[in-house]
Amino acid sequence: MSSRISVTEPVGPQMGGIMVGLLDQAVKRLTSSTGNIHEAVHDARKNLKAFRSYLRLLRAIIGDDSFRRLNIQARDAARILSGARDTVALHDAIGHVEKYYRKSAQRPDIGALRRAADVEIRDTASEASIRTATRKVTAMLKPCRDEVRAWTLPDNPAPYVKGLAKTYGTAAKALGKGLATRLPDDMHEARKRIIHWRYQLDLFTGLWPRRLKAEVRELQDLREDLGQHNDLVLLETRIVAAEGGFAGLQDSEMYLDAITVLRADRARTAGFRGSLLFDETPAARAAELDRWWQAAFDRKAGKKR
């Protein structure tokens, strides 16, 4: 399945094919009887993230009703699968805490922290519970696939450029707010908006491959900075709640001290990347994309002459 648009060909059929392909691939992964189920869920959730990102690009084209209906279905499907992801996130965050204390003379018991997270895996992410979730999600996605197959999307670039510019502006605004407040909800919202922009821009890297592929790579790094911040918040929440495997945990203050420093570090890095990636207005970005698209058409016309 191609995940990029050939910018000198009609966009509509390509876009529709990509959207259907994402849902088909998610279902195939979730219904496979071979392979690692946790990896299958992880990859299917990435399919759904991309699908929801592209939906936002198409919102003005398909209409608010269709957007909301499909977005809610894909969002709810991803949430059903989130239990497996949360357990991975906890262990990733624990790895950062362990690295933080690696050269310290006084180190907390990281093993106890990992065992606490493992209890959550047994309670919320067993293979049986995940298999049940995948069957439910597969049924939820069928009407989405049918609706997307019925779309007729425009071929000309204009509505897609408009959608890209809007997503760029929304991502820049959300990132600015998140970095200003450092509140977990605001940082999480910034991460979601960055993900939308990263996926959407990646579709159209054919406009200027060398420049835009590099930008997508930087956006992926920014996404990971914000994702690590989110994982650390998740671990912090579990430690503070002191429930399940985290009840009676020793060395809690040492874990929380490390998380505070690590969160601040991720926010600083995200701020630096953001200052480089969002240095234009949405209108300027739209004008830039228009120029590149016209240049692509001109190159193609020149080759035909």
C-alpha atoms as a PDB file:
ATOM      1  CA  MET A   1       0.000   0.000   0.000  1.00  0.00           C
ATOM      2  CA  SER A   2       1.414   3.362  -1.043  1.00  0.00           C
ATOM      3  CA  SER A   3       1.393   5.938   1.726  1.00  0.00           C
ATOM      4  CA  ARG A   4       2.359   8.901  -0.450  1.00  0.00           C
ATOM      5  CA  ILE A   5       0.570  10.860  -3.138  1.00  0.00           C
ATOM      6  CA  SER A   6       2.018  11.224  -6.619  1.00  0.00           C
ATOM      7  CA  VAL A   7       1.554  14.999  -6.772  1.00  0.00           C
ATOM      8  CA  THR A   8       1.330  15.258 -10.561  1.00  0.00           C
ATOM      9  CA  GLU A   9      -1.503  12.697 -10.788  1.00  0.00           C
ATOM     10  CA  PRO A  10      -5.170  13.151  -9.788  1.00  0.00           C
ATOM     11  CA  VAL A  11      -5.240  13.214  -5.996  1.00  0.00           C
ATOM     12  CA  GLY A  12      -8.755  11.890  -5.323  1.00  0.00           C
ATOM     13  CA  PRO A  13      -8.397   8.206  -6.328  1.00  0.00           C
ATOM     14  CA  GLN A  14      -5.009   7.993  -4.599  1.00  0.00           C
ATOM     15  CA  MET A  15      -6.337   9.507  -1.393  1.00  0.00           C
ATOM     16  CA  GLY A  16      -9.360   7.230  -1.334  1.00  0.00           C
ATOM     17  CA  GLY A  17      -7.183   4.182  -1.944  1.00  0.00           C
ATOM     18  CA  ILE A  18      -4.857   5.101   0.905  1.00  0.00           C
ATOM     19  CA  MET A  19      -7.752   5.563   3.331  1.00  0.00           C
ATOM     20  CA  VAL A  20      -9.329   2.205   2.459  1.00  0.00           C
ATOM     21  CA  GLY A  21      -5.912   0.568   2.576  1.00  0.00           C
ATOM     22  CA  LEU A  22      -5.262   1.788   6.108  1.00  0.00           C
ATOM     23  CA  LEU A  23      -8.483   0.243   7.389  1.00  0.00           C
ATOM     24  CA  ASP A  24      -7.941  -2.988   5.447  1.00  0.00           C
ATOM     25  CA  GLN A  25      -4.418  -3.267   6.815  1.00  0.00           C
ATOM     26  CA  ALA A  26      -5.575  -2.642  10.392  1.00  0.00           C
ATOM     27  CA  VAL A  27      -8.205  -5.388  10.096  1.00  0.00           C
ATOM     28  CA  LYS A  28      -5.712  -7.798   8.521  1.00  0.00           C
ATOM     29  CA  ARG A  29      -3.266  -7.258  11.361  1.00  0.00           C
ATOM     30  CA  LEU A  30      -5.893  -7.664  14.060  1.00  0.00           C
ATOM     31  CA  THR A  31      -7.348 -10.848  12.575  1.00  0.00           C
ATOM     32  CA  SER A  32      -4.052 -12.576  11.830  1.00  0.00           C
ATOM     33  CA  SER A  33      -3.552 -15.818  13.725  1.00  0.00           C
ATOM     34  CA  THR A  34       0.232 -15.646  13.391  1.00  0.00           C
ATOM     35  CA  GLY A  35       2.833 -13.284  14.778  1.00  0.00           C
ATOM     36  CA  ASN A  36       3.019 -11.296  17.994  1.00  0.00           C
ATOM     37  CA  ILE A  37      -0.395  -9.940  18.981  1.00  0.00           C
ATOM     38  CA  HIS A  38       1.148  -6.968  20.814  1.00  0.00           C
ATOM     39  CA  GLU A  39       3.049  -5.947  17.681  1.00  0.00           C
ATOM     40  CA  ALA A  40      -0.086  -6.408  15.589  1.00  0.00           C
ATOM     41  CA  VAL A  41      -2.051  -4.119  17.912  1.00  0.00           C
ATOM     42  CA  HIS A  42       0.753  -1.532  17.874  1.00  0.00           C
ATOM     43  CA  ASP A  43       0.821  -1.492  14.067  1.00  0.00           C
ATOM     44  CA  ALA A  44      -2.987  -1.418  13.791  1.00  0.00           C
ATOM     45  CA  ARG A  45      -3.102   1.578  16.132  1.00  0.00           C
ATOM     46  CA  LYS A  46      -0.612   3.344  13.843  1.00  0.00           C
ATOM     47  CA  ASN A  47      -2.952   2.622  10.918  1.00  0.00           C
ATOM     48  CA  LEU A  48      -5.810   4.211  12.853  1.00  0.00           C
ATOM     49  CA  LYS A  49      -3.706   7.243  13.793  1.00  0.00           C
ATOM     50  CA  ALA A  50      -2.851   7.816  10.154  1.00  0.00           C
ATOM     51  CA  PHE A  51      -6.483   7.322   9.155  1.00  0.00           C
ATOM     52  CA  ARG A  52      -7.684   9.919  11.690  1.00  0.00           C
ATOM     53  CA  SER A  53      -4.972  12.348  10.606  1.00  0.00           C
ATOM     54  CA  TYR A  54      -6.017  12.077   6.972  1.00  0.00           C
ATOM     55  CA  LEU A  55      -9.664  12.443   7.974  1.00  0.00           C
ATOM     56  CA  ARG A  56      -8.817  15.890   9.356  1.00  0.00           C
ATOM     57  CA  LEU A  57      -7.214  16.788   6.051  1.00  0.00           C
ATOM     58  CA  LEU A  58     -10.428  15.779   4.273  1.00  0.00           C
ATOM     59  CA  ARG A  59     -12.909  17.292   6.724  1.00  0.00           C
ATOM     60  CA  ALA A  60     -13.920  20.228   4.527  1.00  0.00           C
ATOM     61  CA  ILE A  61     -14.284  17.853   1.568  1.00  0.00           C
ATOM     62  CA  ILE A  62     -16.320  15.012   3.103  1.00  0.00           C
ATOM     63  CA  GLY A  63     -18.382  17.226   5.428  1.00  0.00           C
ATOM     64  CA  ASP A  64     -18.632  17.485   9.210  1.00  0.00           C
ATOM     65  CA  ASP A  65     -21.164  14.675   9.634  1.00  0.00           C
ATOM     66  CA  SER A  66     -19.050  12.098   7.827  1.00  0.00           C
ATOM     67  CA  PHE A  67     -15.894  13.342   9.533  1.00  0.00           C
ATOM     68  CA  ARG A  68     -17.361  13.100  13.021  1.00  0.00           C
ATOM     69  CA  ARG A  69     -18.903   9.682  12.444  1.00  0.00           C
ATOM     70  CA  LEU A  70     -15.719   8.133  11.082  1.00  0.00           C
ATOM     71  CA  ASN A  71     -13.437   9.919  13.535  1.00  0.00           C
ATOM     72  CA  ILE A  72     -15.458   8.732  16.520  1.00  0.00           C
ATOM     73  CA  GLN A  73     -15.443   5.141  15.262  1.00  0.00           C
ATOM     74  CA  ALA A  74     -11.687   5.155  14.644  1.00  0.00           C
ATOM     75  CA  ARG A  75     -11.020   6.934  17.951  1.00  0.00           C
ATOM     76  CA  ASP A  76     -13.118   4.467  19.939  1.00  0.00           C
ATOM     77  CA  ALA A  77     -11.467   1.544  18.155  1.00  0.00           C
ATOM     78  CA  ALA A  78      -8.011   2.864  19.048  1.00  0.00           C
ATOM     79  CA  ARG A  79      -9.060   3.366  22.676  1.00  0.00           C
ATOM     80  CA  ILE A  80     -10.195  -0.240  22.961  1.00  0.00           C
ATOM     81  CA  LEU A  81      -6.689  -1.255  21.909  1.00  0.00           C
ATOM     82  CA  SER A  82      -4.933   1.252  24.186  1.00  0.00           C
ATOM     83  CA  GLY A  83      -4.460  -1.119  27.140  1.00  0.00           C
ATOM     84  CA  ALA A  84      -1.633  -2.921  25.385  1.00  0.00           C
ATOM     85  CA  ARG A  85      -0.010   0.359  24.419  1.00  0.00           C
ATOM     86  CA  ASP A  86      -0.134   1.729  27.971  1.00  0.00           C
ATOM     87  CA  THR A  87       1.855  -1.180  29.317  1.00  0.00           C
ATOM     88  CA  VAL A  88       4.570  -0.614  26.706  1.00  0.00           C
ATOM     89  CA  ALA A  89       4.571   3.092  27.539  1.00  0.00           C
ATOM     90  CA  LEU A  90       5.063   2.367  31.231  1.00  0.00           C
ATOM     91  CA  HIS A  91       8.103   0.205  30.554  1.00  0.00           C
ATOM     92  CA  ASP A  92       9.524   2.793  28.142  1.00  0.00           C
ATOM     93  CA  ALA A  93       9.187   5.471  30.835  1.00  0.00           C
ATOM     94  CA  ILE A  94      10.780   3.173  33.420  1.00  0.00           C
ATOM     95  CA  GLY A  95      13.705   2.736  31.034  1.00  0.00           C
ATOM     96  CA  HIS A  96      14.244   6.513  31.017  1.00  0.00           C
ATOM     97  CA  VAL A  97      14.135   6.639  34.821  1.00  0.00           C
ATOM     98  CA  GLU A  98      16.661   3.792  34.976  1.00  0.00           C
ATOM     99  CA  LYS A  99      18.995   5.619  32.585  1.00  0.00           C
ATOM    100  CA  TYR A 100      18.655   8.806  34.651  1.00  0.00           C
ATOM    101  CA  TYR A 101      19.966   7.036  37.756  1.00  0.00           C
ATOM    102  CA  ARG A 102      22.551   4.893  35.969  1.00  0.00           C
ATOM    103  CA  LYS A 103      25.577   6.884  37.186  1.00  0.00           C
ATOM    104  CA  SER A 104      24.098   7.895  40.512  1.00  0.00           C
ATOM    105  CA  ALA A 105      25.564   6.536  43.755  1.00  0.00           C
ATOM    106  CA  GLN A 106      22.076   6.300  45.229  1.00  0.00           C
ATOM    107  CA  ARG A 107      19.686   4.437  42.940  1.00  0.00           C
ATOM    108  CA  PRO A 108      16.089   3.366  43.559  1.00  0.00           C
ATOM    109  CA  ASP A 109      14.981  -0.189  42.931  1.00  0.00           C
ATOM    110  CA  ILE A 110      14.054  -0.108  39.252  1.00  0.00           C
ATOM    111  CA  GLY A 111      13.188  -3.800  39.391  1.00  0.00           C
ATOM    112  CA  ALA A 112      10.351  -3.060  41.804  1.00  0.00           C
ATOM    113  CA  LEU A 113       9.030  -0.440  39.415  1.00  0.00           C
ATOM    114  CA  ARG A 114       9.088  -2.901  36.523  1.00  0.00           C
ATOM    115  CA  ARG A 115       7.307  -5.536  38.592  1.00  0.00           C
ATOM    116  CA  ALA A 116       4.601  -2.988  39.401  1.00  0.00           C
ATOM    117  CA  ALA A 117       4.098  -2.349  35.688  1.00  0.00           C
ATOM    118  CA  ASP A 118       4.011  -6.093  34.999  1.00  0.00           C
ATOM    119  CA  VAL A 119       1.026  -6.435  37.325  1.00  0.00           C
ATOM    120  CA  GLU A 120      -0.819  -4.034  35.059  1.00  0.00           C
ATOM    121  CA  ILE A 121       0.046  -6.159  32.049  1.00  0.00           C
ATOM    122  CA  ARG A 122      -1.521  -9.199  33.695  1.00  0.00           C
ATOM    123  CA  ASP A 123      -4.603  -7.219  34.679  1.00  0.00           C
ATOM    124  CA  THR A 124      -5.284  -5.175  31.534  1.00  0.00           C
ATOM    125  CA  ALA A 125      -3.207  -6.511  28.639  1.00  0.00           C
ATOM    126  CA  SER A 126      -3.309 -10.286  28.726  1.00  0.00           C
ATOM    127  CA  GLU A 127      -3.389 -12.005  25.347  1.00  0.00           C
ATOM    128  CA  ALA A 128      -6.971 -13.170  25.963  1.00  0.00           C
ATOM    129  CA  SER A 129      -8.195  -9.647  26.705  1.00  0.00           C
ATOM    130  CA  ILE A 130      -6.381  -8.294  23.657  1.00  0.00           C
ATOM    131  CA  ARG A 131      -7.902 -10.954  21.389  1.00  0.00           C
ATOM    132  CA  THR A 132     -11.354  -9.988  22.650  1.00  0.00           C
ATOM    133  CA  ALA A 133     -10.592  -6.332  21.946  1.00  0.00           C
ATOM    134  CA  THR A 134      -9.351  -7.027  18.421  1.00  0.00           C
ATOM    135  CA  ARG A 135     -12.566  -8.870  17.506  1.00  0.00           C
ATOM    136  CA  LYS A 136     -14.626  -5.936  18.734  1.00  0.00           C
ATOM    137  CA  VAL A 137     -12.510  -3.422  16.817  1.00  0.00           C
ATOM    138  CA  THR A 138     -12.672  -5.436  13.603  1.00  0.00           C
ATOM    139  CA  ALA A 139     -16.475  -5.325  13.722  1.00  0.00           C
ATOM    140  CA  MET A 140     -16.404  -1.564  14.383  1.00  0.00           C
ATOM    141  CA  LEU A 141     -14.219  -0.848  11.345  1.00  0.00           C
ATOM    142  CA  LYS A 142     -16.377  -2.639   8.753  1.00  0.00           C
ATOM    143  CA  PRO A 143     -18.934   0.200   8.303  1.00  0.00           C
ATOM    144  CA  CYS A 144     -16.057   2.682   8.139  1.00  0.00           C
ATOM    145  CA  ARG A 145     -14.503   0.747   5.258  1.00  0.00           C
ATOM    146  CA  ASP A 146     -17.831   0.642   3.413  1.00  0.00           C
ATOM    147  CA  GLU A 147     -18.344   4.390   3.777  1.00  0.00           C
ATOM    148  CA  VAL A 148     -14.835   5.319   2.651  1.00  0.00           C
ATOM    149  CA  ARG A 149     -15.101   3.089  -0.436  1.00  0.00           C
ATOM    150  CA  ALA A 150     -18.133   5.139  -1.533  1.00  0.00           C
ATOM    151  CA  TRP A 151     -16.256   8.470  -1.516  1.00  0.00           C
ATOM    152  CA  THR A 152     -15.543  10.545  -4.601  1.00  0.00           C
ATOM    153  CA  LEU A 153     -12.736  12.948  -3.718  1.00  0.00           C
ATOM    154  CA  PRO A 154     -11.517  15.947  -5.765  1.00  0.00           C
ATOM    155  CA  ASP A 155      -8.480  15.585  -8.000  1.00  0.00           C
ATOM    156  CA  ASN A 156      -7.161  19.158  -7.868  1.00  0.00           C
ATOM    157  CA  PRO A 157      -4.634  20.205  -5.186  1.00  0.00           C
ATOM    158  CA  ALA A 158      -6.441  23.308  -3.844  1.00  0.00           C
ATOM    159  CA  PRO A 159      -8.617  21.706  -1.103  1.00  0.00           C
ATOM    160  CA  TYR A 160      -5.707  19.586   0.101  1.00  0.00           C
ATOM    161  CA  VAL A 161      -3.395  22.595   0.354  1.00  0.00           C
ATOM    162  CA  LYS A 162      -6.063  24.397   2.367  1.00  0.00           C
ATOM    163  CA  GLY A 163      -6.387  21.414   4.695  1.00  0.00           C
ATOM    164  CA  LEU A 164      -2.626  21.134   5.132  1.00  0.00           C
ATOM    165  CA  ALA A 165      -2.303  24.806   6.030  1.00  0.00           C
ATOM    166  CA  LYS A 166      -5.055  24.492   8.624  1.00  0.00           C
ATOM    167  CA  THR A 167      -3.420  21.453  10.229  1.00  0.00           C
ATOM    168  CA  TYR A 168      -0.054  23.233  10.288  1.00  0.00           C
ATOM    169  CA  GLY A 169      -1.566  26.231  12.068  1.00  0.00           C
ATOM    170  CA  THR A 170      -3.446  24.078  14.567  1.00  0.00           C
ATOM    171  CA  ALA A 171      -0.301  22.087  15.383  1.00  0.00           C
ATOM    172  CA  ALA A 172       1.762  25.249  15.875  1.00  0.00           C
ATOM    173  CA  LYS A 173      -0.854  26.738  18.191  1.00  0.00           C
ATOM    174  CA  ALA A 174      -1.260  23.559  20.247  1.00  0.00           C
ATOM    175  CA  LEU A 175       2.504  23.144  20.623  1.00  0.00           C
ATOM    176  CA  GLY A 176       2.870  26.750  21.741  1.00  0.00           C
ATOM    177  CA  LYS A 177       0.195  26.307  24.381  1.00  0.00           C
ATOM    178  CA  GLY A 178       1.620  23.016  25.607  1.00  0.00           C
ATOM    179  CA  LEU A 179       5.127  24.425  25.990  1.00  0.00           C
ATOM    180  CA  ALA A 180       3.777  27.528  27.718  1.00  0.00           C
ATOM    181  CA  THR A 181       1.750  25.694  30.373  1.00  0.00           C
ATOM    182  CA  ARG A 182       3.644  22.351  30.558  1.00  0.00           C
ATOM    183  CA  LEU A 183       0.347  20.853  31.720  1.00  0.00           C
ATOM    184  CA  PRO A 184      -0.036  17.157  30.838  1.00  0.00           C
ATOM    185  CA  ASP A 185      -3.328  17.653  28.983  1.00  0.00           C
ATOM    186  CA  ASP A 186      -1.902  20.525  26.915  1.00  0.00           C
ATOM    187  CA  MET A 187       1.273  18.600  26.103  1.00  0.00           C
ATOM    188  CA  HIS A 188      -0.817  15.566  25.136  1.00  0.00           C
ATOM    189  CA  GLU A 189      -2.975  17.719  22.852  1.00  0.00           C
ATOM    190  CA  ALA A 190       0.165  19.159  21.263  1.00  0.00           C
ATOM    191  CA  ARG A 191       1.426  15.650  20.577  1.00  0.00           C
ATOM    192  CA  LYS A 192      -1.836  14.676  18.885  1.00  0.00           C
ATOM    193  CA  ARG A 193      -1.730  17.758  16.644  1.00  0.00           C
ATOM    194  CA  ILE A 194       1.913  17.171  15.749  1.00  0.00           C
ATOM    195  CA  ILE A 195       1.046  13.595  14.788  1.00  0.00           C
ATOM    196  CA  HIS A 196      -1.712  14.846  12.462  1.00  0.00           C
ATOM    197  CA  TRP A 197       0.652  17.291  10.785  1.00  0.00           C
ATOM    198  CA  ARG A 198       3.463  14.762  10.485  1.00  0.00           C
ATOM    199  CA  TYR A 199       1.217  12.151   8.823  1.00  0.00           C
ATOM    200  CA  GLN A 200      -0.400  14.662   6.480  1.00  0.00           C
ATOM    201  CA  LEU A 201       2.853  16.245   5.344  1.00  0.00           C
ATOM    202  CA  ASP A 202       4.368  12.817   4.713  1.00  0.00           C
ATOM    203  CA  LEU A 203       1.635  12.175   2.149  1.00  0.00           C
ATOM    204  CA  PHE A 204       2.888  15.002  -0.028  1.00  0.00           C
ATOM    205  CA  THR A 205       6.669  14.784   0.258  1.00  0.00           C
ATOM    206  CA  GLY A 206       6.775  14.318  -3.513  1.00  0.00           C
ATOM    207  CA  LEU A 207       6.385  18.092  -3.802  1.00  0.00           C
ATOM    208  CA  TRP A 208      10.033  18.457  -2.746  1.00  0.00           C
ATOM    209  CA  PRO A 209      11.329  15.098  -1.494  1.00  0.00           C
ATOM    210  CA  ARG A 210      14.671  16.153  -0.035  1.00  0.00           C
ATOM    211  CA  ARG A 211      13.278  19.113   1.885  1.00  0.00           C
ATOM    212  CA  LEU A 212       9.990  17.598   3.054  1.00  0.00           C
ATOM    213  CA  LYS A 213      11.333  14.164   3.998  1.00  0.00           C
ATOM    214  CA  ALA A 214      13.837  15.915   6.253  1.00  0.00           C
ATOM    215  CA  GLU A 215      11.010  17.938   7.794  1.00  0.00           C
ATOM    216  CA  VAL A 216       8.967  14.785   8.373  1.00  0.00           C
ATOM    217  CA  ARG A 217      11.943  13.202  10.135  1.00  0.00           C
ATOM    218  CA  GLU A 218      12.223  16.225  12.433  1.00  0.00           C
ATOM    219  CA  LEU A 219       8.494  16.095  13.098  1.00  0.00           C
ATOM    220  CA  GLN A 220       8.873  12.424  14.025  1.00  0.00           C
ATOM    221  CA  ASP A 221      11.616  13.375  16.496  1.00  0.00           C
ATOM    222  CA  LEU A 222       9.342  16.065  17.942  1.00  0.00           C
ATOM    223  CA  ARG A 223       6.542  13.527  18.174  1.00  0.00           C
ATOM    224  CA  GLU A 224       8.863  11.196  20.099  1.00  0.00           C
ATOM    225  CA  ASP A 225       9.888  13.987  22.501  1.00  0.00           C
ATOM    226  CA  LEU A 226       6.234  14.630  23.263  1.00  0.00           C
ATOM    227  CA  GLY A 227       5.466  10.917  23.366  1.00  0.00           C
ATOM    228  CA  GLN A 228       8.185  10.327  25.956  1.00  0.00           C
ATOM    229  CA  HIS A 229       6.779  13.230  27.971  1.00  0.00           C
ATOM    230  CA  ASN A 230       3.353  11.568  27.802  1.00  0.00           C
ATOM    231  CA  ASP A 231       4.791   8.189  28.856  1.00  0.00           C
ATOM    232  CA  LEU A 232       6.500   9.822  31.841  1.00  0.00           C
ATOM    233  CA  VAL A 233       3.221  11.468  32.851  1.00  0.00           C
ATOM    234  CA  LEU A 234       1.510   8.072  32.629  1.00  0.00           C
ATOM    235  CA  LEU A 235       4.119   6.525  34.925  1.00  0.00           C
ATOM    236  CA  GLU A 236       3.924   9.489  37.299  1.00  0.00           C
ATOM    237  CA  THR A 237       0.141   9.110  37.491  1.00  0.00           C
ATOM    238  CA  ARG A 238       0.409   5.412  38.334  1.00  0.00           C
ATOM    239  CA  ILE A 239       3.004   6.029  41.046  1.00  0.00           C
ATOM    240  CA  VAL A 240       1.014   8.853  42.657  1.00  0.00           C
ATOM    241  CA  ALA A 241      -2.243   6.848  42.547  1.00  0.00           C
ATOM    242  CA  ALA A 242      -0.461   3.967  44.333  1.00  0.00           C
ATOM    243  CA  GLU A 243      -2.992   1.394  43.130  1.00  0.00           C
ATOM    244  CA  GLY A 244      -2.662  -2.176  41.867  1.00  0.00           C
ATOM    245  CA  GLY A 245       0.971  -3.157  41.458  1.00  0.00           C
ATOM    246  CA  PHE A 246       2.041   0.361  42.412  1.00  0.00           C
ATOM    247  CA  ALA A 247       0.488   0.141  45.885  1.00  0.00           C
ATOM    248  CA  GLY A 248       3.082   0.233  48.681  1.00  0.00           C
ATOM    249  CA  LEU A 249       5.893   1.006  46.248  1.00  0.00           C
ATOM    250  CA  GLN A 250       9.158   2.010  47.933  1.00  0.00           C
ATOM    251  CA  ASP A 251      11.393   4.839  46.617  1.00  0.00           C
ATOM    252  CA  SER A 252       8.393   6.677  45.150  1.00  0.00           C
ATOM    253  CA  GLU A 253       9.907  10.114  45.749  1.00  0.00           C
ATOM    254  CA  MET A 254      13.092   9.180  43.897  1.00  0.00           C
ATOM    255  CA  TYR A 255      11.089   7.958  40.919  1.00  0.00           C
ATOM    256  CA  LEU A 256       9.020  11.147  40.900  1.00  0.00           C
ATOM    257  CA  ASP A 257      12.111  13.378  41.176  1.00  0.00           C
ATOM    258  CA  ALA A 258      13.583  11.742  38.094  1.00  0.00           C
ATOM    259  CA  ILE A 259      10.311  12.063  36.198  1.00  0.00           C
ATOM    260  CA  THR A 260      10.119  15.795  36.954  1.00  0.00           C
ATOM    261  CA  VAL A 261      13.604  16.380  35.526  1.00  0.00           C
ATOM    262  CA  LEU A 262      13.011  14.137  32.510  1.00  0.00           C
ATOM    263  CA  ARG A 263       9.708  15.823  31.669  1.00  0.00           C
ATOM    264  CA  ALA A 264      11.364  19.233  31.738  1.00  0.00           C
ATOM    265  CA  ASP A 265      14.154  17.960  29.488  1.00  0.00           C
ATOM    266  CA  ARG A 266      11.689  16.595  26.925  1.00  0.00           C
ATOM    267  CA  ALA A 267       9.782  19.888  26.954  1.00  0.00           C
ATOM    268  CA  ARG A 268      12.968  21.889  26.344  1.00  0.00           C
ATOM    269  CA  THR A 269      13.941  19.670  23.424  1.00  0.00           C
ATOM    270  CA  ALA A 270      10.434  19.906  21.973  1.00  0.00           C
ATOM    271  CA  GLY A 271      10.591  23.694  22.248  1.00  0.00           C
ATOM    272  CA  PHE A 272      13.828  23.820  20.274  1.00  0.00           C
ATOM    273  CA  ARG A 273      12.512  21.565  17.530  1.00  0.00           C
ATOM    274  CA  GLY A 274       9.230  23.459  17.394  1.00  0.00           C
ATOM    275  CA  SER A 275      10.976  26.803  16.916  1.00  0.00           C
ATOM    276  CA  LEU A 276      12.581  25.408  13.761  1.00  0.00           C
ATOM    277  CA  LEU A 277       9.565  23.544  12.402  1.00  0.00           C
ATOM    278  CA  PHE A 278       6.888  26.215  12.909  1.00  0.00           C
ATOM    279  CA  ASP A 279       8.489  29.454  11.781  1.00  0.00           C
ATOM    280  CA  GLU A 280       5.879  30.423   9.146  1.00  0.00           C
ATOM    281  CA  THR A 281       2.264  31.526   9.198  1.00  0.00           C
ATOM    282  CA  PRO A 282      -0.337  29.079   7.847  1.00  0.00           C
ATOM    283  CA  ALA A 283      -0.958  31.448   4.911  1.00  0.00           C
ATOM    284  CA  ALA A 284       2.737  31.505   4.045  1.00  0.00           C
ATOM    285  CA  ARG A 285       2.891  27.730   4.268  1.00  0.00           C
ATOM    286  CA  ALA A 286      -0.105  27.391   1.936  1.00  0.00           C
ATOM    287  CA  ALA A 287       1.484  29.749  -0.587  1.00  0.00           C
ATOM    288  CA  GLU A 288       4.699  27.733  -0.429  1.00  0.00           C
ATOM    289  CA  LEU A 289       2.869  24.460  -1.071  1.00  0.00           C
ATOM    290  CA  ASP A 290       0.989  26.042  -3.974  1.00  0.00           C
ATOM    291  CA  ARG A 291       4.260  27.149  -5.565  1.00  0.00           C
ATOM    292  CA  TRP A 292       5.807  23.711  -5.178  1.00  0.00           C
ATOM    293  CA  TRP A 293       2.755  22.011  -6.619  1.00  0.00           C
ATOM    294  CA  GLN A 294       2.767  24.306  -9.647  1.00  0.00           C
ATOM    295  CA  ALA A 295       6.486  23.658 -10.100  1.00  0.00           C
ATOM    296  CA  ALA A 296       5.799  19.910 -10.067  1.00  0.00           C
ATOM    297  CA  PHE A 297       3.173  20.304 -12.795  1.00  0.00           C
ATOM    298  CA  ASP A 298       5.535  22.520 -14.809  1.00  0.00           C
ATOM    299  CA  ARG A 299       8.310  19.918 -14.589  1.00  0.00           C
ATOM    300  CA  LYS A 300       5.938  17.215 -15.776  1.00  0.00           C
ATOM    301  CA  ALA A 301       4.723  19.369 -18.680  1.00  0.00           C
ATOM    302  CA  GLY A 302       8.326  20.143 -19.623  1.00  0.00           C
ATOM    303  CA  LYS A 303       9.200  16.463 -19.777  1.00  0.00           C
ATOM    304  CA  LYS A 304       6.254  15.774 -22.105  1.00  0.00           C
ATOM    305  CA  ARG A 305       7.225  18.473 -24.579  1.00  0.00           C
END
